[in-house]
Amino acid sequence: MTQTATVLRSDIVIIGGGAGGLELAARLGRKLGREAVLLIDRAAVHIWKPTLHEVAAGTMDAHAEGLSYPILARRNRFSFALGEMVGLDAAARLVTLAAIRDGDGVEQVPQRRVAFDTLVLALGSGSNFFGTPGAEHAHVLEQASDAEAFHRTLLAAFMRAAFSADKQMRMAIVGGGATGVELSAELLEAHDEVLQSIAPNQHFRLDIALVEAAPRILAGLPERISRQADAALRRRGVRVLTDTKVTEIHPAGLRTSAGELPADLVVWAAGIKAAPGNRDFGLEVNRSNQFVVNAKLQTSAPAVYAMGDCAACAWREGTLVPARAQAAHQQAEYLARSLVAQQAGKDYAPEFRYRDFGSLVSLGENRGVGNLMGALSGRNFFVDGLIAKWMYMSLHLMHHRAILGAGATAVLALARLLQRRVSGRVKLH
């Protein structure tokens, strides 16, 4: 019989320490203090989700990139608890956290309950396989542990290919969105680095197929960006297969509407969907398991808010606010102002309004492509090459600045640059 530990309590409880949840905790902690704000996450270390494709390829070291939640909590004056939400009683304002077990399955911390005045759900999202059979044969990049596990598998596959008779490794990436495109580019970078690190007679060819069901890759972005990215990938040898639907995943590759596609490794990056368990919390959800929220990001329970990928927030022309890091950032800013006002006994009148500032896609170490929305002139601007890449990297630094401050971010960026100069671009262990 599972025992439930004594109730913890905080004025504001945030479940999920992703880009939005962590930034919200930091903003609120600096305003309200440790006793008022509690962040709960199932991991002890934070990694910015848009960089998981780099961790997967080995072009970013998760251990060097990761930021400790307890240290961030101390710096930003909020509290942190390790745990995974498995139950919610919105009427009683209680959250239930699963028991924590070690690697052998032995319970270390019993199930706990957390009381709150205000709850913010920032649970993120997972992969959407759209009912495709054989999902267990594909790798996903939903969290840091997935990316690290894939990287270990990738290095083993590289080794096998280097000593194989045909000197070839085949990879299929399903989904031509930003994750699929950026992962393709990072894998090419990793392959180039590996070839420089092994003997000439151990060189092997990496064949990447990017499979997209829509007529073009990056279908949610302007067509000019799609064309630029498509051309860049093809020039570097990536097979870009559009209008190609995956009907089954099997151990030897993919079965598609265009026929069989052999692959030694398959990565699924074709869509996102909130966790099915969201339906068990007594809140209104949509078909993608996202919590339905109003214009103030409130769910169907007045004291419970949702933000980021797990929230279905109306935007324009019947569409929802897209699942992007910039949306989570804007929602964190909005909720910070709103909840601080609530704590002061005031009503925060404005409603949340999402502004699309454009999109940037990384195409390798010194290449990128994107469009920027002209907030003042109303015009859109297209950027590519090294400038786009630098702007893409600046988004990561902006996230760090929000949780670390400008000075610490500058020191961290310099340290990581020097580390890469010394140890090389690709993690080979």
Foldseek 3Di string as FASTA:
>chain_A
DFDADEAAEAAEEEEDCELQRVLLQLLQCQVPAARHYEYEYQDQWYAHLVCLLLLLLQLDPCVLRIDGPVVLCVVRGYHYDHFDWQEADLVQQKTKTCFDADPVRHGDGTIYIYHYQFYEYAPAWFFDPVPAAPPVQAQERRDNVSSNVNNVVVLVQLQCLLPDPQQEAEEEEEAQAQSLLQSLLSNLVSLVVVCVVDDVSSHGYYAYEYEELAQFGNVVADVVQRVVSVVLSVVSHYHYHYNKAFRHADCQGTQIPVGGDGHNHYHYDHDIAHDPSLVVHPWDADPSSAFEAEQQQATPRRRYGYFANSYFYDAPPRHGDDRDSLRSVQNSVSVSVQVSCVVVVHGDPDGRHDDDQWDKHDNYDFWIWIKGQDPPPRDIHIDITNVSVVVVVVVVLVSCCSSPNDVVSVVSVVVVVVVCVPPPSGDSD
